[in-house]
PDB file of N, CA and C in Angstrom:
ATOM      1  N   MET A   1     102.502  93.517  99.255  1.00  0.00           N
ATOM      2  CA  MET A   1     102.795  92.197 100.323  1.00  0.00           C
ATOM      3  C   MET A   1     101.241  92.149 101.162  1.00  0.00           C
ATOM      4  N   LEU A   2     100.986  90.883 101.291  1.00  0.00           N
ATOM      5  CA  LEU A   2      99.684  90.714 102.222  1.00  0.00           C
ATOM      6  C   LEU A   2     100.238  90.639 103.392  1.00  0.00           C
ATOM      7  N   VAL A   3      99.673  91.206 104.508  1.00  0.00           N
ATOM      8  CA  VAL A   3     100.232  91.444 105.693  1.00  0.00           C
ATOM      9  C   VAL A   3      99.065  91.121 106.731  1.00  0.00           C
ATOM     10  N   GLU A   4      99.413  90.506 107.775  1.00  0.00           N
ATOM     11  CA  GLU A   4      98.469  90.270 108.959  1.00  0.00           C
ATOM     12  C   GLU A   4      99.063  90.645 110.052  1.00  0.00           C
ATOM     13  N   VAL A   5      98.352  91.605 110.995  1.00  0.00           N
ATOM     14  CA  VAL A   5      98.894  92.214 112.340  1.00  0.00           C
ATOM     15  C   VAL A   5      97.740  92.080 113.346  1.00  0.00           C
ATOM     16  N   LEU A   6      98.256  91.895 114.481  1.00  0.00           N
ATOM     17  CA  LEU A   6      97.560  91.992 115.902  1.00  0.00           C
ATOM     18  C   LEU A   6      97.553  93.374 116.374  1.00  0.00           C
ATOM     19  N   ILE A   7      96.672  94.136 116.311  1.00  0.00           N
ATOM     20  CA  ILE A   7      96.521  95.609 116.558  1.00  0.00           C
ATOM     21  C   ILE A   7      96.120  95.636 118.092  1.00  0.00           C
ATOM     22  N   ASP A   8      96.849  96.517 119.050  1.00  0.00           N
ATOM     23  CA  ASP A   8      96.470  96.800 120.204  1.00  0.00           C
ATOM     24  C   ASP A   8      95.989  95.437 120.819  1.00  0.00           C
ATOM     25  N   GLY A   9      96.542  94.305 120.832  1.00  0.00           N
ATOM     26  CA  GLY A   9      96.501  93.184 121.672  1.00  0.00           C
ATOM     27  C   GLY A   9      95.152  92.369 121.194  1.00  0.00           C
ATOM     28  N   ALA A  10      94.637  92.671 120.021  1.00  0.00           N
ATOM     29  CA  ALA A  10      93.459  91.992 119.395  1.00  0.00           C
ATOM     30  C   ALA A  10      93.766  90.594 119.184  1.00  0.00           C
ATOM     31  N   THR A  11      92.816  89.600 119.436  1.00  0.00           N
ATOM     32  CA  THR A  11      92.805  88.228 119.160  1.00  0.00           C
ATOM     33  C   THR A  11      92.626  87.797 118.005  1.00  0.00           C
ATOM     34  N   GLU A  12      92.137  88.510 117.026  1.00  0.00           N
ATOM     35  CA  GLU A  12      91.750  88.175 115.544  1.00  0.00           C
ATOM     36  C   GLU A  12      92.647  89.263 114.828  1.00  0.00           C
ATOM     37  N   PRO A  13      93.618  88.745 114.011  1.00  0.00           N
ATOM     38  CA  PRO A  13      94.527  89.585 113.287  1.00  0.00           C
ATOM     39  C   PRO A  13      93.856  90.315 112.136  1.00  0.00           C
ATOM     40  N   ALA A  14      94.136  91.645 111.963  1.00  0.00           N
ATOM     41  CA  ALA A  14      93.643  92.398 110.684  1.00  0.00           C
ATOM     42  C   ALA A  14      94.548  92.106 109.634  1.00  0.00           C
ATOM     43  N   HIS A  15      94.044  92.270 108.410  1.00  0.00           N
ATOM     44  CA  HIS A  15      94.823  91.877 107.186  1.00  0.00           C
ATOM     45  C   HIS A  15      94.558  92.833 106.072  1.00  0.00           C
ATOM     46  N   PHE A  16      95.642  93.173 105.469  1.00  0.00           N
ATOM     47  CA  PHE A  16      95.544  94.211 104.400  1.00  0.00           C
ATOM     48  C   PHE A  16      96.492  94.001 103.221  1.00  0.00           C
ATOM     49  N   LEU A  17      96.479  94.493 102.259  1.00  0.00           N
ATOM     50  CA  LEU A  17      97.495  94.605 101.189  1.00  0.00           C
ATOM     51  C   LEU A  17      98.363  95.884 101.399  1.00  0.00           C
ATOM     52  N   LEU A  18      99.546  95.858 101.490  1.00  0.00           N
ATOM     53  CA  LEU A  18     100.475  96.833 101.618  1.00  0.00           C
ATOM     54  C   LEU A  18     101.097  97.118 100.302  1.00  0.00           C
ATOM     55  N   ALA A  19     100.565  98.425  99.612  1.00  0.00           N
ATOM     56  CA  ALA A  19     100.938  98.608  98.331  1.00  0.00           C
ATOM     57  C   ALA A  19     100.632 100.114  97.877  1.00  0.00           C
ATOM     58  N   ASP A  20     101.245 100.690  97.048  1.00  0.00           N
ATOM     59  CA  ASP A  20     100.908 101.848  96.385  1.00  0.00           C
ATOM     60  C   ASP A  20      99.412 102.003  95.984  1.00  0.00           C
ATOM     61  N   TYR A  21      98.693 102.979  96.279  1.00  0.00           N
ATOM     62  CA  TYR A  21      97.516 103.137  95.830  1.00  0.00           C
ATOM     63  C   TYR A  21      97.256 103.008  94.187  1.00  0.00           C
ATOM     64  N   HIS A  22      98.271 103.259  93.591  1.00  0.00           N
ATOM     65  CA  HIS A  22      98.191 103.323  92.036  1.00  0.00           C
ATOM     66  C   HIS A  22      98.443 101.890  91.442  1.00  0.00           C
ATOM     67  N   ALA A  23      98.925 100.863  92.394  1.00  0.00           N
ATOM     68  CA  ALA A  23      99.402  99.378  91.939  1.00  0.00           C
ATOM     69  C   ALA A  23      98.022  98.493  91.672  1.00  0.00           C
ATOM     70  N   VAL A  24      97.200  98.859  92.635  1.00  0.00           N
ATOM     71  CA  VAL A  24      95.990  97.743  92.631  1.00  0.00           C
ATOM     72  C   VAL A  24      94.681  98.509  93.057  1.00  0.00           C
ATOM     73  N   SER A  25      93.705  97.960  92.958  1.00  0.00           N
ATOM     74  CA  SER A  25      92.431  98.600  93.462  1.00  0.00           C
ATOM     75  C   SER A  25      91.647  97.549  94.383  1.00  0.00           C
ATOM     76  N   VAL A  26      91.772  97.439  95.670  1.00  0.00           N
ATOM     77  CA  VAL A  26      91.232  96.618  96.433  1.00  0.00           C
ATOM     78  C   VAL A  26      90.669  97.388  97.823  1.00  0.00           C
ATOM     79  N   GLU A  27      89.692  96.989  98.439  1.00  0.00           N
ATOM     80  CA  GLU A  27      89.259  97.628  99.607  1.00  0.00           C
ATOM     81  C   GLU A  27      90.224  97.810 100.872  1.00  0.00           C
ATOM     82  N   THR A  28      90.797  96.679 101.110  1.00  0.00           N
ATOM     83  CA  THR A  28      91.666  96.593 102.209  1.00  0.00           C
ATOM     84  C   THR A  28      93.043  96.786 101.696  1.00  0.00           C
ATOM     85  N   LEU A  29      93.314  97.915 101.302  1.00  0.00           N
ATOM     86  CA  LEU A  29      94.685  98.373 100.759  1.00  0.00           C
ATOM     87  C   LEU A  29      95.145  99.293 101.699  1.00  0.00           C
ATOM     88  N   VAL A  30      96.424  99.176 102.106  1.00  0.00           N
ATOM     89  CA  VAL A  30      97.044 100.241 103.048  1.00  0.00           C
ATOM     90  C   VAL A  30      98.399 100.782 102.277  1.00  0.00           C
ATOM     91  N   SER A  31      98.497 102.021 102.035  1.00  0.00           N
ATOM     92  CA  SER A  31      99.591 102.591 101.463  1.00  0.00           C
ATOM     93  C   SER A  31     100.807 102.667 102.248  1.00  0.00           C
ATOM     94  N   PRO A  32     102.113 102.410 101.631  1.00  0.00           N
ATOM     95  CA  PRO A  32     103.324 102.477 102.747  1.00  0.00           C
ATOM     96  C   PRO A  32     103.564 103.797 103.135  1.00  0.00           C
ATOM     97  N   TYR A  33     102.736 104.837 102.657  1.00  0.00           N
ATOM     98  CA  TYR A  33     102.643 106.282 103.120  1.00  0.00           C
ATOM     99  C   TYR A  33     101.898 106.589 104.238  1.00  0.00           C
ATOM    100  N   THR A  34     101.149 105.794 104.867  1.00  0.00           N
ATOM    101  CA  THR A  34     100.302 106.032 105.988  1.00  0.00           C
ATOM    102  C   THR A  34     101.176 105.807 106.924  1.00  0.00           C
ATOM    103  N   ALA A  35     100.540 106.191 108.324  1.00  0.00           N
ATOM    104  CA  ALA A  35     101.310 105.834 109.394  1.00  0.00           C
ATOM    105  C   ALA A  35     101.327 104.361 109.644  1.00  0.00           C
ATOM    106  N   LEU A  36     100.115 103.556 109.507  1.00  0.00           N
ATOM    107  CA  LEU A  36     100.447 101.886 109.461  1.00  0.00           C
ATOM    108  C   LEU A  36     101.296 101.513 108.514  1.00  0.00           C
ATOM    109  N   GLY A  37     101.041 101.792 107.327  1.00  0.00           N
ATOM    110  CA  GLY A  37     101.995 101.495 106.242  1.00  0.00           C
ATOM    111  C   GLY A  37     103.356 101.617 106.284  1.00  0.00           C
ATOM    112  N   ALA A  38     103.805 102.787 106.950  1.00  0.00           N
ATOM    113  CA  ALA A  38     105.398 103.147 107.098  1.00  0.00           C
ATOM    114  C   ALA A  38     105.744 102.505 108.311  1.00  0.00           C
ATOM    115  N   ALA A  39     104.999 102.118 109.272  1.00  0.00           N
ATOM    116  CA  ALA A  39     105.604 101.266 110.511  1.00  0.00           C
ATOM    117  C   ALA A  39     105.516  99.753 110.157  1.00  0.00           C
ATOM    118  N   VAL A  40     104.774  99.169 109.216  1.00  0.00           N
ATOM    119  CA  VAL A  40     104.986  97.806 108.907  1.00  0.00           C
ATOM    120  C   VAL A  40     106.128  97.642 107.996  1.00  0.00           C
ATOM    121  N   ASN A  41     106.083  98.573 106.914  1.00  0.00           N
ATOM    122  CA  ASN A  41     107.083  98.267 105.866  1.00  0.00           C
ATOM    123  C   ASN A  41     108.377  98.263 106.284  1.00  0.00           C
ATOM    124  N   GLY A  42     109.100  97.052 105.758  1.00  0.00           N
ATOM    125  CA  GLY A  42     110.334  96.632 106.164  1.00  0.00           C
ATOM    126  C   GLY A  42     110.441  95.811 107.392  1.00  0.00           C
ATOM    127  N   ARG A  43     109.492  95.672 108.109  1.00  0.00           N
ATOM    128  CA  ARG A  43     109.542  94.701 109.214  1.00  0.00           C
ATOM    129  C   ARG A  43     109.484  93.352 108.945  1.00  0.00           C
ATOM    130  N   ARG A  44     109.478  92.566 109.808  1.00  0.00           N
ATOM    131  CA  ARG A  44     109.398  90.930 109.608  1.00  0.00           C
ATOM    132  C   ARG A  44     108.406  90.390 110.628  1.00  0.00           C
ATOM    133  N   VAL A  45     107.935  89.048 110.386  1.00  0.00           N
ATOM    134  CA  VAL A  45     106.911  88.422 111.227  1.00  0.00           C
ATOM    135  C   VAL A  45     107.574  88.414 112.508  1.00  0.00           C
ATOM    136  N   GLY A  46     106.697  88.710 113.580  1.00  0.00           N
ATOM    137  CA  GLY A  46     107.156  88.604 114.968  1.00  0.00           C
ATOM    138  C   GLY A  46     107.475  89.971 115.477  1.00  0.00           C
ATOM    139  N   ASP A  47     107.865  90.906 114.653  1.00  0.00           N
ATOM    140  CA  ASP A  47     108.156  92.348 114.961  1.00  0.00           C
ATOM    141  C   ASP A  47     106.990  92.984 115.538  1.00  0.00           C
ATOM    142  N   SER A  48     107.447  93.747 116.676  1.00  0.00           N
ATOM    143  CA  SER A  48     106.314  94.766 117.304  1.00  0.00           C
ATOM    144  C   SER A  48     106.628  96.045 116.798  1.00  0.00           C
ATOM    145  N   LEU A  49     105.555  96.804 116.744  1.00  0.00           N
ATOM    146  CA  LEU A  49     105.680  98.364 116.158  1.00  0.00           C
ATOM    147  C   LEU A  49     104.805  99.012 116.813  1.00  0.00           C
ATOM    148  N   THR A  50     104.956 100.351 116.734  1.00  0.00           N
ATOM    149  CA  THR A  50     104.100 101.487 117.226  1.00  0.00           C
ATOM    150  C   THR A  50     103.836 102.634 116.138  1.00  0.00           C
ATOM    151  N   TYR A  51     102.606 102.956 116.085  1.00  0.00           N
ATOM    152  CA  TYR A  51     102.496 104.039 115.063  1.00  0.00           C
ATOM    153  C   TYR A  51     101.466 104.999 115.641  1.00  0.00           C
ATOM    154  N   LEU A  52     101.097 106.065 115.109  1.00  0.00           N
ATOM    155  CA  LEU A  52     100.088 107.129 115.670  1.00  0.00           C
ATOM    156  C   LEU A  52      98.791 106.933 114.815  1.00  0.00           C
ATOM    157  N   GLY A  53      97.601 106.793 115.618  1.00  0.00           N
ATOM    158  CA  GLY A  53      96.536 106.629 114.876  1.00  0.00           C
ATOM    159  C   GLY A  53      95.955 108.045 114.375  1.00  0.00           C
ATOM    160  N   PRO A  54      94.823 108.182 113.696  1.00  0.00           N
ATOM    161  CA  PRO A  54      94.255 109.125 113.257  1.00  0.00           C
ATOM    162  C   PRO A  54      93.926 110.271 114.246  1.00  0.00           C
ATOM    163  N   THR A  55      93.818 109.955 115.464  1.00  0.00           N
ATOM    164  CA  THR A  55      93.435 110.734 116.708  1.00  0.00           C
ATOM    165  C   THR A  55      94.907 111.182 117.282  1.00  0.00           C
ATOM    166  N   GLY A  56      95.916 110.677 116.911  1.00  0.00           N
ATOM    167  CA  GLY A  56      97.038 111.010 117.517  1.00  0.00           C
ATOM    168  C   GLY A  56      97.381 109.998 118.767  1.00  0.00           C
ATOM    169  N   ARG A  57      96.430 109.013 118.907  1.00  0.00           N
ATOM    170  CA  ARG A  57      96.830 107.981 119.805  1.00  0.00           C
ATOM    171  C   ARG A  57      97.909 106.958 119.454  1.00  0.00           C
ATOM    172  N   GLU A  58      99.026 106.525 120.294  1.00  0.00           N
ATOM    173  CA  GLU A  58      99.810 105.487 119.868  1.00  0.00           C
ATOM    174  C   GLU A  58      99.080 104.043 119.917  1.00  0.00           C
ATOM    175  N   ILE A  59      99.398 103.533 118.835  1.00  0.00           N
ATOM    176  CA  ILE A  59      98.828 102.271 118.610  1.00  0.00           C
ATOM    177  C   ILE A  59      99.891 101.247 118.344  1.00  0.00           C
ATOM    178  N   THR A  60      99.751 100.155 119.225  1.00  0.00           N
ATOM    179  CA  THR A  60     100.881  99.022 118.875  1.00  0.00           C
ATOM    180  C   THR A  60     100.414  97.878 118.111  1.00  0.00           C
ATOM    181  N   ALA A  61     101.250  97.099 117.347  1.00  0.00           N
ATOM    182  CA  ALA A  61     100.820  96.026 116.673  1.00  0.00           C
ATOM    183  C   ALA A  61     101.846  94.999 116.548  1.00  0.00           C
ATOM    184  N   GLU A  62     101.611  93.843 116.244  1.00  0.00           N
ATOM    185  CA  GLU A  62     102.707  92.960 116.082  1.00  0.00           C
ATOM    186  C   GLU A  62     102.422  92.090 114.817  1.00  0.00           C
ATOM    187  N   ILE A  63     103.410  91.760 113.913  1.00  0.00           N
ATOM    188  CA  ILE A  63     103.137  91.385 112.677  1.00  0.00           C
ATOM    189  C   ILE A  63     103.040  89.779 112.706  1.00  0.00           C
ATOM    190  N   VAL A  64     101.993  89.292 112.307  1.00  0.00           N
ATOM    191  CA  VAL A  64     101.560  87.870 112.313  1.00  0.00           C
ATOM    192  C   VAL A  64     102.204  87.083 111.158  1.00  0.00           C
ATOM    193  N   SER A  65     101.732  87.524 109.896  1.00  0.00           N
ATOM    194  CA  SER A  65     102.318  87.127 108.710  1.00  0.00           C
ATOM    195  C   SER A  65     102.522  87.979 107.443  1.00  0.00           C
ATOM    196  N   VAL A  66     103.242  87.673 106.603  1.00  0.00           N
ATOM    197  CA  VAL A  66     103.725  88.471 105.418  1.00  0.00           C
ATOM    198  C   VAL A  66     103.717  87.502 104.290  1.00  0.00           C
ATOM    199  N   ARG A  67     102.992  87.914 103.293  1.00  0.00           N
ATOM    200  CA  ARG A  67     103.329  87.025 101.922  1.00  0.00           C
ATOM    201  C   ARG A  67     103.213  87.883 100.794  1.00  0.00           C
ATOM    202  N   PRO A  68     103.949  87.386  99.789  1.00  0.00           N
ATOM    203  CA  PRO A  68     103.844  88.097  98.496  1.00  0.00           C
ATOM    204  C   PRO A  68     102.416  88.292  97.917  1.00  0.00           C
ATOM    205  N   TYR A  69     102.344  89.289  97.154  1.00  0.00           N
ATOM    206  CA  TYR A  69     100.752  89.717  96.442  1.00  0.00           C
ATOM    207  C   TYR A  69     100.991  88.951  95.278  1.00  0.00           C
ATOM    208  N   ALA A  70      99.857  88.115  94.905  1.00  0.00           N
ATOM    209  CA  ALA A  70      99.758  87.668  93.720  1.00  0.00           C
ATOM    210  C   ALA A  70      98.881  88.513  92.923  1.00  0.00           C
ATOM    211  N   GLN A  71      99.367  89.026  91.685  1.00  0.00           N
ATOM    212  CA  GLN A  71      98.598  89.828  90.783  1.00  0.00           C
ATOM    213  C   GLN A  71      97.309  89.124  90.446  1.00  0.00           C
ATOM    214  N   GLY A  72      96.246  90.045  90.715  1.00  0.00           N
ATOM    215  CA  GLY A  72      94.659  89.442  90.358  1.00  0.00           C
ATOM    216  C   GLY A  72      94.136  88.878  91.646  1.00  0.00           C
ATOM    217  N   HIS A  73      94.926  88.695  92.791  1.00  0.00           N
ATOM    218  CA  HIS A  73      94.393  88.058  93.994  1.00  0.00           C
ATOM    219  C   HIS A  73      93.757  89.304  94.859  1.00  0.00           C
ATOM    220  N   THR A  74      92.380  89.200  94.838  1.00  0.00           N
ATOM    221  CA  THR A  74      91.819  90.381  95.393  1.00  0.00           C
ATOM    222  C   THR A  74      90.802  90.032  96.579  1.00  0.00           C
ATOM    223  N   ASP A  75      90.671  88.828  97.119  1.00  0.00           N
ATOM    224  CA  ASP A  75      89.951  88.399  98.246  1.00  0.00           C
ATOM    225  C   ASP A  75      90.843  88.298  99.322  1.00  0.00           C
ATOM    226  N   LEU A  76      90.792  89.464 100.064  1.00  0.00           N
ATOM    227  CA  LEU A  76      91.643  89.615 101.297  1.00  0.00           C
ATOM    228  C   LEU A  76      90.649  89.468 102.610  1.00  0.00           C
ATOM    229  N   SER A  77      89.519  89.068 102.339  1.00  0.00           N
ATOM    230  CA  SER A  77      88.821  88.771 103.458  1.00  0.00           C
ATOM    231  C   SER A  77      88.856  87.292 104.198  1.00  0.00           C
ATOM    232  N   LEU A  78      89.925  86.593 103.742  1.00  0.00           N
ATOM    233  CA  LEU A  78      90.091  85.253 104.399  1.00  0.00           C
ATOM    234  C   LEU A  78      90.488  85.465 105.954  1.00  0.00           C
ATOM    235  N   SER A  79      89.881  84.739 106.744  1.00  0.00           N
ATOM    236  CA  SER A  79      90.356  84.772 107.957  1.00  0.00           C
ATOM    237  C   SER A  79      91.190  83.807 108.561  1.00  0.00           C
ATOM    238  N   ASN A  80      91.598  82.732 107.820  1.00  0.00           N
ATOM    239  CA  ASN A  80      92.427  81.753 108.227  1.00  0.00           C
ATOM    240  C   ASN A  80      93.552  81.641 107.275  1.00  0.00           C
ATOM    241  N   GLY A  81      94.414  82.570 107.293  1.00  0.00           N
ATOM    242  CA  GLY A  81      95.591  82.569 106.150  1.00  0.00           C
ATOM    243  C   GLY A  81      95.158  83.252 104.918  1.00  0.00           C
ATOM    244  N   TRP A  82      96.221  82.858 104.126  1.00  0.00           N
ATOM    245  CA  TRP A  82      96.194  83.676 102.659  1.00  0.00           C
ATOM    246  C   TRP A  82      96.124  82.331 101.596  1.00  0.00           C
ATOM    247  N   GLU A  83      94.982  81.510 101.758  1.00  0.00           N
ATOM    248  CA  GLU A  83      94.904  80.510 100.762  1.00  0.00           C
ATOM    249  C   GLU A  83      94.440  81.065  99.440  1.00  0.00           C
ATOM    250  N   THR A  84      94.966  80.649  98.206  1.00  0.00           N
ATOM    251  CA  THR A  84      94.447  81.251  97.047  1.00  0.00           C
ATOM    252  C   THR A  84      93.417  80.350  96.321  1.00  0.00           C
TER     253      THR A  84
END
C-alpha cells in the first residue's frame, strides 16, 4: 500500500510504500515489521497513531491517504498525491 502520513504535526506528509522487504525494491519502503509499519498496518485514513522512534521517543502520526500499490510503480517522490 502507498501511504501518506503527517508525522509529529508536520505540514507536509511523508509518503512510503508499506510492504515486505522481499516484495519490492524501492528506497521509500517501510516494512510492516518496523515500529512505523506496525503502527500504520490495518489503520484507515484519518486515524491517529503513535509509535516508538529509534531513540525510544514516542512519535505521533495521522494517516492522510492510503492507495493500492501498482506493481512496477516505483516513483514515490510525488508530493501532490499518487498520480501514475
